[in-house]
Amino acid sequence: ILTRLGFRITDVVSAFGQHEISLCGCPLEKIEH
């Protein structure tokens, strides 16, 4: 869903069923700021 809506995944770390996903929020960059 994230890539379909224009986000870019930069990193994924998974361990013991927990997941950390780093992404570029560029589609929402102005809102995020």
Full PDB file with SEQRES, HELIX, SHEET, SSBOND, CRYST1, ORIGX, SCALE, CONECT and MASTER records, all heavy atoms in Angstrom:
SEQRES   1 A   33  ILE LEU THR ARG LEU GLY PHE ARG ILE THR ASP VAL VAL          
SEQRES   2 A   33  SER ALA PHE GLY GLN HIS GLU ILE SER LEU CYS GLY CYS          
SEQRES   3 A   33  PRO LEU GLU LYS ILE GLU HIS                                  
HELIX    1 AA1 CYS A   26  LEU A   28  5                                   3    
HELIX    2 AA2 GLU A   29  GLU A   32  1                                   4    
SHEET    1 AA1 2 ARG A   8  ALA A  15  0                                        
SHEET    2 AA1 2 GLN A  18  CYS A  24 -1                                        
SSBOND   1 CYS A   24    CYS A   26                          1555   1555  2.34  
CRYST1    1.000    1.000    1.000  90.00  90.00  90.00 P 1           1          
ORIGX1      1.000000  0.000000  0.000000        0.00000                         
ORIGX2      0.000000  1.000000  0.000000        0.00000                         
ORIGX3      0.000000  0.000000  1.000000        0.00000                         
SCALE1      1.000000  0.000000  0.000000        0.00000                         
SCALE2      0.000000  1.000000  0.000000        0.00000                         
SCALE3      0.000000  0.000000  1.000000        0.00000                         
ATOM      1  N   ILE A   1       0.817  -1.204   0.000  1.00  0.00           N  
ATOM      2  CA  ILE A   1       0.000   0.000   0.000  1.00  0.00           C  
ATOM      3  C   ILE A   1       0.856   1.262   0.000  1.00  0.00           C  
ATOM      4  O   ILE A   1       0.536   2.248  -0.657  1.00  0.00           O  
ATOM      5  CB  ILE A   1      -1.000   0.007   1.182  1.00  0.00           C  
ATOM      6  CG1 ILE A   1      -1.986   1.179   1.059  1.00  0.00           C  
ATOM      7  CG2 ILE A   1      -0.271   0.056   2.520  1.00  0.00           C  
ATOM      8  CD1 ILE A   1      -2.806   1.181  -0.217  1.00  0.00           C  
ATOM      9  N   LEU A   2       1.975   1.236   0.714  1.00  0.00           N  
ATOM     10  CA  LEU A   2       2.814   2.437   0.790  1.00  0.00           C  
ATOM     11  C   LEU A   2       3.428   2.774  -0.567  1.00  0.00           C  
ATOM     12  O   LEU A   2       3.411   3.933  -0.993  1.00  0.00           O  
ATOM     13  CB  LEU A   2       3.908   2.245   1.841  1.00  0.00           C  
ATOM     14  CG  LEU A   2       3.432   2.248   3.298  1.00  0.00           C  
ATOM     15  CD1 LEU A   2       4.546   1.791   4.222  1.00  0.00           C  
ATOM     16  CD2 LEU A   2       2.930   3.622   3.704  1.00  0.00           C  
ATOM     17  N   THR A   3       3.965   1.786  -1.252  1.00  0.00           N  
ATOM     18  CA  THR A   3       4.569   2.057  -2.559  1.00  0.00           C  
ATOM     19  C   THR A   3       3.504   2.405  -3.595  1.00  0.00           C  
ATOM     20  O   THR A   3       3.739   3.218  -4.484  1.00  0.00           O  
ATOM     21  CB  THR A   3       5.392   0.857  -3.047  1.00  0.00           C  
ATOM     22  OG1 THR A   3       4.583  -0.330  -3.042  1.00  0.00           O  
ATOM     23  CG2 THR A   3       6.586   0.626  -2.145  1.00  0.00           C  
ATOM     24  N   ARG A   4       2.331   1.820  -3.457  1.00  0.00           N  
ATOM     25  CA  ARG A   4       1.241   2.134  -4.395  1.00  0.00           C  
ATOM     26  C   ARG A   4       0.830   3.607  -4.286  1.00  0.00           C  
ATOM     27  O   ARG A   4       0.410   4.221  -5.276  1.00  0.00           O  
ATOM     28  CB  ARG A   4       0.049   1.223  -4.093  1.00  0.00           C  
ATOM     29  CG  ARG A   4      -1.145   1.396  -5.030  1.00  0.00           C  
ATOM     30  CD  ARG A   4      -2.218   0.393  -4.682  1.00  0.00           C  
ATOM     31  NE  ARG A   4      -1.824  -0.945  -5.086  1.00  0.00           N  
ATOM     32  CZ  ARG A   4      -2.358  -1.603  -6.119  1.00  0.00           C  
ATOM     33  NH1 ARG A   4      -3.292  -1.045  -6.843  1.00  0.00           N  
ATOM     34  NH2 ARG A   4      -1.951  -2.816  -6.413  1.00  0.00           N  
ATOM     35  N   LEU A   5       0.970   4.178  -3.092  1.00  0.00           N  
ATOM     36  CA  LEU A   5       0.561   5.568  -2.881  1.00  0.00           C  
ATOM     37  C   LEU A   5       1.745   6.542  -2.912  1.00  0.00           C  
ATOM     38  O   LEU A   5       1.605   7.694  -2.514  1.00  0.00           O  
ATOM     39  CB  LEU A   5      -0.192   5.686  -1.546  1.00  0.00           C  
ATOM     40  CG  LEU A   5      -1.542   4.961  -1.522  1.00  0.00           C  
ATOM     41  CD1 LEU A   5      -2.187   5.067  -0.155  1.00  0.00           C  
ATOM     42  CD2 LEU A   5      -2.484   5.522  -2.583  1.00  0.00           C  
ATOM     43  N   GLY A   6       2.899   6.081  -3.381  1.00  0.00           N  
ATOM     44  CA  GLY A   6       4.004   7.000  -3.641  1.00  0.00           C  
ATOM     45  C   GLY A   6       5.051   7.127  -2.558  1.00  0.00           C  
ATOM     46  O   GLY A   6       5.975   7.932  -2.689  1.00  0.00           O  
ATOM     47  N   PHE A   7       4.940   6.351  -1.485  1.00  0.00           N  
ATOM     48  CA  PHE A   7       5.968   6.360  -0.445  1.00  0.00           C  
ATOM     49  C   PHE A   7       7.141   5.479  -0.884  1.00  0.00           C  
ATOM     50  O   PHE A   7       6.972   4.569  -1.694  1.00  0.00           O  
ATOM     51  CB  PHE A   7       5.415   5.861   0.885  1.00  0.00           C  
ATOM     52  CG  PHE A   7       4.336   6.734   1.462  1.00  0.00           C  
ATOM     53  CD1 PHE A   7       3.004   6.532   1.123  1.00  0.00           C  
ATOM     54  CD2 PHE A   7       4.647   7.760   2.343  1.00  0.00           C  
ATOM     55  CE1 PHE A   7       2.005   7.332   1.652  1.00  0.00           C  
ATOM     56  CE2 PHE A   7       3.657   8.560   2.879  1.00  0.00           C  
ATOM     57  CZ  PHE A   7       2.330   8.354   2.524  1.00  0.00           C  
ATOM     58  N   ARG A   8       8.297   5.747  -0.318  1.00  0.00           N  
ATOM     59  CA  ARG A   8       9.487   4.959  -0.655  1.00  0.00           C  
ATOM     60  C   ARG A   8      10.031   4.310   0.613  1.00  0.00           C  
ATOM     61  O   ARG A   8      10.371   4.987   1.573  1.00  0.00           O  
ATOM     62  CB  ARG A   8      10.553   5.849  -1.298  1.00  0.00           C  
ATOM     63  CG  ARG A   8      11.829   5.104  -1.698  1.00  0.00           C  
ATOM     64  CD  ARG A   8      12.727   5.993  -2.548  1.00  0.00           C  
ATOM     65  NE  ARG A   8      13.034   7.251  -1.873  1.00  0.00           N  
ATOM     66  CZ  ARG A   8      14.048   7.397  -1.022  1.00  0.00           C  
ATOM     67  NH1 ARG A   8      14.834   6.365  -0.726  1.00  0.00           N  
ATOM     68  NH2 ARG A   8      14.288   8.566  -0.454  1.00  0.00           N  
ATOM     69  N   ILE A   9      10.095   2.972   0.611  1.00  0.00           N  
ATOM     70  CA  ILE A   9      10.626   2.230   1.746  1.00  0.00           C  
ATOM     71  C   ILE A   9      12.147   2.326   1.717  1.00  0.00           C  
ATOM     72  O   ILE A   9      12.784   2.022   0.703  1.00  0.00           O  
ATOM     73  CB  ILE A   9      10.196   0.752   1.693  1.00  0.00           C  
ATOM     74  CG1 ILE A   9       8.677   0.625   1.548  1.00  0.00           C  
ATOM     75  CG2 ILE A   9      10.693   0.012   2.927  1.00  0.00           C  
ATOM     76  CD1 ILE A   9       7.890   1.188   2.683  1.00  0.00           C  
ATOM     77  N   THR A  10      12.741   2.747   2.822  1.00  0.00           N  
ATOM     78  CA  THR A  10      14.205   2.883   2.875  1.00  0.00           C  
ATOM     79  C   THR A  10      14.862   1.805   3.727  1.00  0.00           C  
ATOM     80  O   THR A  10      16.050   1.531   3.544  1.00  0.00           O  
ATOM     81  CB  THR A  10      14.598   4.267   3.416  1.00  0.00           C  
ATOM     82  OG1 THR A  10      14.022   4.449   4.722  1.00  0.00           O  
ATOM     83  CG2 THR A  10      14.096   5.370   2.500  1.00  0.00           C  
ATOM     84  N   ASP A  11      14.104   1.178   4.622  1.00  0.00           N  
ATOM     85  CA  ASP A  11      14.714   0.142   5.456  1.00  0.00           C  
ATOM     86  C   ASP A  11      13.612  -0.653   6.158  1.00  0.00           C  
ATOM     87  O   ASP A  11      12.547  -0.103   6.481  1.00  0.00           O  
ATOM     88  CB  ASP A  11      15.650   0.767   6.494  1.00  0.00           C  
ATOM     89  CG  ASP A  11      16.491  -0.282   7.216  1.00  0.00           C  
ATOM     90  OD1 ASP A  11      16.808  -1.314   6.592  1.00  0.00           O  
ATOM     91  OD2 ASP A  11      16.829  -0.070   8.398  1.00  0.00           O  
ATOM     92  N   VAL A  12      13.869  -1.931   6.379  1.00  0.00           N  
ATOM     93  CA  VAL A  12      12.949  -2.795   7.123  1.00  0.00           C  
ATOM     94  C   VAL A  12      13.780  -3.651   8.078  1.00  0.00           C  
ATOM     95  O   VAL A  12      14.742  -4.302   7.663  1.00  0.00           O  
ATOM     96  CB  VAL A  12      12.130  -3.711   6.190  1.00  0.00           C  
ATOM     97  CG1 VAL A  12      11.244  -4.639   7.024  1.00  0.00           C  
ATOM     98  CG2 VAL A  12      11.281  -2.895   5.235  1.00  0.00           C  
ATOM     99  N   VAL A  13      13.409  -3.630   9.354  1.00  0.00           N  
ATOM    100  CA  VAL A  13      14.078  -4.457  10.366  1.00  0.00           C  
ATOM    101  C   VAL A  13      13.003  -5.269  11.089  1.00  0.00           C  
ATOM    102  O   VAL A  13      12.056  -4.696  11.640  1.00  0.00           O  
ATOM    103  CB  VAL A  13      14.859  -3.598  11.378  1.00  0.00           C  
ATOM    104  CG1 VAL A  13      15.480  -4.491  12.450  1.00  0.00           C  
ATOM    105  CG2 VAL A  13      15.931  -2.784  10.667  1.00  0.00           C  
ATOM    106  N   SER A  14      13.152  -6.582  11.059  1.00  0.00           N  
ATOM    107  CA  SER A  14      12.184  -7.461  11.705  1.00  0.00           C  
ATOM    108  C   SER A  14      12.894  -8.353  12.713  1.00  0.00           C  
ATOM    109  O   SER A  14      13.981  -8.882  12.433  1.00  0.00           O  
ATOM    110  CB  SER A  14      11.468  -8.339  10.663  1.00  0.00           C  
ATOM    111  OG  SER A  14      10.751  -7.528   9.745  1.00  0.00           O  
ATOM    112  N   ALA A  15      12.275  -8.514  13.872  1.00  0.00           N  
ATOM    113  CA  ALA A  15      12.852  -9.376  14.900  1.00  0.00           C  
ATOM    114  C   ALA A  15      11.769  -9.793  15.882  1.00  0.00           C  
ATOM    115  O   ALA A  15      11.036  -8.941  16.399  1.00  0.00           O  
ATOM    116  CB  ALA A  15      13.981  -8.654  15.644  1.00  0.00           C  
ATOM    117  N   PHE A  16      11.666 -11.094  16.099  1.00  0.00           N  
ATOM    118  CA  PHE A  16      10.726 -11.640  17.083  1.00  0.00           C  
ATOM    119  C   PHE A  16       9.289 -11.155  16.853  1.00  0.00           C  
ATOM    120  O   PHE A  16       8.558 -10.823  17.787  1.00  0.00           O  
ATOM    121  CB  PHE A  16      11.177 -11.289  18.502  1.00  0.00           C  
ATOM    122  CG  PHE A  16      12.588 -11.715  18.806  1.00  0.00           C  
ATOM    123  CD1 PHE A  16      13.602 -10.767  18.891  1.00  0.00           C  
ATOM    124  CD2 PHE A  16      12.900 -13.056  18.991  1.00  0.00           C  
ATOM    125  CE1 PHE A  16      14.904 -11.158  19.171  1.00  0.00           C  
ATOM    126  CE2 PHE A  16      14.207 -13.451  19.264  1.00  0.00           C  
ATOM    127  CZ  PHE A  16      15.215 -12.508  19.351  1.00  0.00           C  
ATOM    128  N   GLY A  17       8.898 -11.100  15.578  1.00  0.00           N  
ATOM    129  CA  GLY A  17       7.532 -10.717  15.257  1.00  0.00           C  
ATOM    130  C   GLY A  17       7.260  -9.228  15.271  1.00  0.00           C  
ATOM    131  O   GLY A  17       6.136  -8.797  15.022  1.00  0.00           O  
ATOM    132  N   GLN A  18       8.263  -8.427  15.585  1.00  0.00           N  
ATOM    133  CA  GLN A  18       8.117  -6.970  15.566  1.00  0.00           C  
ATOM    134  C   GLN A  18       8.775  -6.431  14.286  1.00  0.00           C  
ATOM    135  O   GLN A  18       9.823  -6.934  13.878  1.00  0.00           O  
ATOM    136  CB  GLN A  18       8.776  -6.341  16.797  1.00  0.00           C  
ATOM    137  CG  GLN A  18       8.478  -7.034  18.114  1.00  0.00           C  
ATOM    138  CD  GLN A  18       7.009  -6.988  18.487  1.00  0.00           C  
ATOM    139  OE1 GLN A  18       6.354  -5.973  18.339  1.00  0.00           O  
ATOM    140  NE2 GLN A  18       6.492  -8.107  18.993  1.00  0.00           N  
ATOM    141  N   HIS A  19       8.190  -5.415  13.697  1.00  0.00           N  
ATOM    142  CA  HIS A  19       8.695  -4.905  12.425  1.00  0.00           C  
ATOM    143  C   HIS A  19       8.843  -3.383  12.500  1.00  0.00           C  
ATOM    144  O   HIS A  19       7.928  -2.682  12.962  1.00  0.00           O  
ATOM    145  CB  HIS A  19       7.746  -5.272  11.286  1.00  0.00           C  
ATOM    146  CG  HIS A  19       7.404  -6.730  11.236  1.00  0.00           C  
ATOM    147  ND1 HIS A  19       8.263  -7.688  10.757  1.00  0.00           N  
ATOM    148  CD2 HIS A  19       6.280  -7.393  11.640  1.00  0.00           C  
ATOM    149  CE1 HIS A  19       7.699  -8.875  10.847  1.00  0.00           C  
ATOM    150  NE2 HIS A  19       6.491  -8.725  11.378  1.00  0.00           N  
ATOM    151  N   GLU A  20       9.997  -2.906  12.056  1.00  0.00           N  
ATOM    152  CA  GLU A  20      10.259  -1.472  11.960  1.00  0.00           C  
ATOM    153  C   GLU A  20      10.494  -1.134  10.497  1.00  0.00           C  
ATOM    154  O   GLU A  20      11.400  -1.688   9.862  1.00  0.00           O  
ATOM    155  CB  GLU A  20      11.498  -1.082  12.791  1.00  0.00           C  
ATOM    156  CG  GLU A  20      11.310  -1.204  14.291  1.00  0.00           C  
ATOM    157  CD  GLU A  20      10.634   0.020  14.894  1.00  0.00           C  
ATOM    158  OE1 GLU A  20      10.673   1.087  14.257  1.00  0.00           O  
ATOM    159  OE2 GLU A  20      10.079  -0.098  15.993  1.00  0.00           O  
ATOM    160  N   ILE A  21       9.677  -0.242   9.960  1.00  0.00           N  
ATOM    161  CA  ILE A  21       9.783   0.146   8.556  1.00  0.00           C  
ATOM    162  C   ILE A  21      10.109   1.634   8.479  1.00  0.00           C  
ATOM    163  O   ILE A  21       9.377   2.467   9.026  1.00  0.00           O  
ATOM    164  CB  ILE A  21       8.462  -0.139   7.803  1.00  0.00           C  
ATOM    165  CG1 ILE A  21       8.102  -1.623   7.915  1.00  0.00           C  
ATOM    166  CG2 ILE A  21       8.571   0.278   6.342  1.00  0.00           C  
ATOM    167  CD1 ILE A  21       6.736  -1.957   7.345  1.00  0.00           C  
ATOM    168  N   SER A  22      11.204   1.939   7.841  1.00  0.00           N  
ATOM    169  CA  SER A  22      11.560   3.341   7.609  1.00  0.00           C  
ATOM    170  C   SER A  22      11.104   3.713   6.198  1.00  0.00           C  
ATOM    171  O   SER A  22      11.325   2.955   5.251  1.00  0.00           O  
ATOM    172  CB  SER A  22      13.071   3.553   7.742  1.00  0.00           C  
ATOM    173  OG  SER A  22      13.503   3.238   9.046  1.00  0.00           O  
ATOM    174  N   LEU A  23      10.487   4.865   6.074  1.00  0.00           N  
ATOM    175  CA  LEU A  23       9.998   5.265   4.766  1.00  0.00           C  
ATOM    176  C   LEU A  23      10.138   6.758   4.567  1.00  0.00           C  
ATOM    177  O   LEU A  23      10.155   7.538   5.528  1.00  0.00           O  
ATOM    178  CB  LEU A  23       8.528   4.860   4.589  1.00  0.00           C  
ATOM    179  CG  LEU A  23       7.508   5.503   5.523  1.00  0.00           C  
ATOM    180  CD1 LEU A  23       6.224   5.793   4.776  1.00  0.00           C  
ATOM    181  CD2 LEU A  23       7.209   4.580   6.700  1.00  0.00           C  
ATOM    182  N   CYS A  24      10.239   7.119   3.313  1.00  0.00           N  
ATOM    183  CA  CYS A  24      10.243   8.530   2.935  1.00  0.00           C  
ATOM    184  C   CYS A  24       8.798   8.974   2.788  1.00  0.00           C  
ATOM    185  O   CYS A  24       8.047   8.399   2.004  1.00  0.00           O  
ATOM    186  CB  CYS A  24      11.005   8.732   1.628  1.00  0.00           C  
ATOM    187  SG  CYS A  24      10.956  10.419   1.012  1.00  0.00           S  
ATOM    188  N   GLY A  25       8.410   9.974   3.577  1.00  0.00           N  
ATOM    189  CA  GLY A  25       7.034  10.458   3.534  1.00  0.00           C  
ATOM    190  C   GLY A  25       6.819  11.548   2.511  1.00  0.00           C  
ATOM    191  O   GLY A  25       5.992  12.433   2.725  1.00  0.00           O  
ATOM    192  N   CYS A  26       7.554  11.501   1.399  1.00  0.00           N  
ATOM    193  CA  CYS A  26       7.521  12.594   0.420  1.00  0.00           C  
ATOM    194  C   CYS A  26       6.128  12.970  -0.080  1.00  0.00           C  
ATOM    195  O   CYS A  26       5.863  14.152  -0.306  1.00  0.00           O  
ATOM    196  CB  CYS A  26       8.431  12.262  -0.753  1.00  0.00           C  
ATOM    197  SG  CYS A  26      10.184  12.203  -0.285  1.00  0.00           S  
ATOM    198  N   PRO A  27       5.196  12.019  -0.287  1.00  0.00           N  
ATOM    199  CA  PRO A  27       3.856  12.445  -0.705  1.00  0.00           C  
ATOM    200  C   PRO A  27       3.186  13.382   0.298  1.00  0.00           C  
ATOM    201  O   PRO A  27       2.297  14.136  -0.057  1.00  0.00           O  
ATOM    202  CB  PRO A  27       3.093  11.116  -0.828  1.00  0.00           C  
ATOM    203  CG  PRO A  27       4.150  10.104  -1.078  1.00  0.00           C  
ATOM    204  CD  PRO A  27       5.329  10.562  -0.280  1.00  0.00           C  
ATOM    205  N   LEU A  28       3.608  13.315   1.559  1.00  0.00           N  
ATOM    206  CA  LEU A  28       3.027  14.157   2.606  1.00  0.00           C  
ATOM    207  C   LEU A  28       4.054  15.143   3.159  1.00  0.00           C  
ATOM    208  O   LEU A  28       3.893  15.644   4.271  1.00  0.00           O  
ATOM    209  CB  LEU A  28       2.499  13.285   3.745  1.00  0.00           C  
ATOM    210  CG  LEU A  28       1.452  12.227   3.385  1.00  0.00           C  
ATOM    211  CD1 LEU A  28       1.131  11.371   4.592  1.00  0.00           C  
ATOM    212  CD2 LEU A  28       0.196  12.866   2.823  1.00  0.00           C  
ATOM    213  N   GLU A  29       5.102  15.426   2.377  1.00  0.00           N  
ATOM    214  CA  GLU A  29       6.224  16.196   2.915  1.00  0.00           C  
ATOM    215  C   GLU A  29       5.790  17.549   3.460  1.00  0.00           C  
ATOM    216  O   GLU A  29       6.183  17.943   4.563  1.00  0.00           O  
ATOM    217  CB  GLU A  29       7.278  16.390   1.828  1.00  0.00           C  
ATOM    218  CG  GLU A  29       8.509  17.149   2.314  1.00  0.00           C  
ATOM    219  CD  GLU A  29       9.584  17.234   1.251  1.00  0.00           C  
ATOM    220  OE1 GLU A  29       9.353  16.744   0.130  1.00  0.00           O  
ATOM    221  OE2 GLU A  29      10.649  17.810   1.537  1.00  0.00           O  
ATOM    222  N   LYS A  30       4.978  18.294   2.703  1.00  0.00           N  
ATOM    223  CA  LYS A  30       4.577  19.623   3.159  1.00  0.00           C  
ATOM    224  C   LYS A  30       3.684  19.530   4.387  1.00  0.00           C  
ATOM    225  O   LYS A  30       3.828  20.300   5.340  1.00  0.00           O  
ATOM    226  CB  LYS A  30       3.874  20.391   2.036  1.00  0.00           C  
ATOM    227  CG  LYS A  30       3.674  21.864   2.358  1.00  0.00           C  
ATOM    228  CD  LYS A  30       3.213  22.634   1.142  1.00  0.00           C  
ATOM    229  CE  LYS A  30       3.068  24.120   1.446  1.00  0.00           C  
ATOM    230  NZ  LYS A  30       4.339  24.759   1.792  1.00  0.00           N  
ATOM    231  N   ILE A  31       2.763  18.562   4.388  1.00  0.00           N  
ATOM    232  CA  ILE A  31       1.902  18.373   5.552  1.00  0.00           C  
ATOM    233  C   ILE A  31       2.737  17.976   6.759  1.00  0.00           C  
ATOM    234  O   ILE A  31       2.526  18.467   7.871  1.00  0.00           O  
ATOM    235  CB  ILE A  31       0.836  17.304   5.262  1.00  0.00           C  
ATOM    236  CG1 ILE A  31      -0.154  17.819   4.214  1.00  0.00           C  
ATOM    237  CG2 ILE A  31       0.087  16.918   6.536  1.00  0.00           C  
ATOM    238  CD1 ILE A  31      -1.215  16.814   3.843  1.00  0.00           C  
ATOM    239  N   GLU A  32       3.702  17.086   6.528  1.00  0.00           N  
ATOM    240  CA  GLU A  32       4.518  16.610   7.641  1.00  0.00           C  
ATOM    241  C   GLU A  32       5.327  17.740   8.266  1.00  0.00           C  
ATOM    242  O   GLU A  32       5.538  17.780   9.480  1.00  0.00           O  
ATOM    243  CB  GLU A  32       5.459  15.505   7.154  1.00  0.00           C  
ATOM    244  CG  GLU A  32       6.246  14.850   8.267  1.00  0.00           C  
ATOM    245  CD  GLU A  32       7.164  13.759   7.747  1.00  0.00           C  
ATOM    246  OE1 GLU A  32       7.016  13.363   6.578  1.00  0.00           O  
ATOM    247  OE2 GLU A  32       8.022  13.317   8.520  1.00  0.00           O  
ATOM    248  N   HIS A  33       5.768  18.662   7.430  1.00  0.00           N  
ATOM    249  CA  HIS A  33       6.563  19.779   7.946  1.00  0.00           C  
ATOM    250  C   HIS A  33       5.715  20.709   8.802  1.00  0.00           C  
ATOM    251  O   HIS A  33       6.165  21.188   9.851  1.00  0.00           O  
ATOM    252  CB  HIS A  33       7.173  20.554   6.779  1.00  0.00           C  
ATOM    253  CG  HIS A  33       8.008  21.721   7.201  1.00  0.00           C  
ATOM    254  ND1 HIS A  33       9.230  21.583   7.833  1.00  0.00           N  
ATOM    255  CD2 HIS A  33       7.780  23.066   7.115  1.00  0.00           C  
ATOM    256  CE1 HIS A  33       9.727  22.771   8.102  1.00  0.00           C  
ATOM    257  NE2 HIS A  33       8.863  23.689   7.686  1.00  0.00           N  
TER     258      HIS A  33                                                      
CONECT  187  197                                                                
CONECT  197  187                                                                
MASTER        0    0    0    2    2    0    0    6  257    1    2    3          
END                                                                             
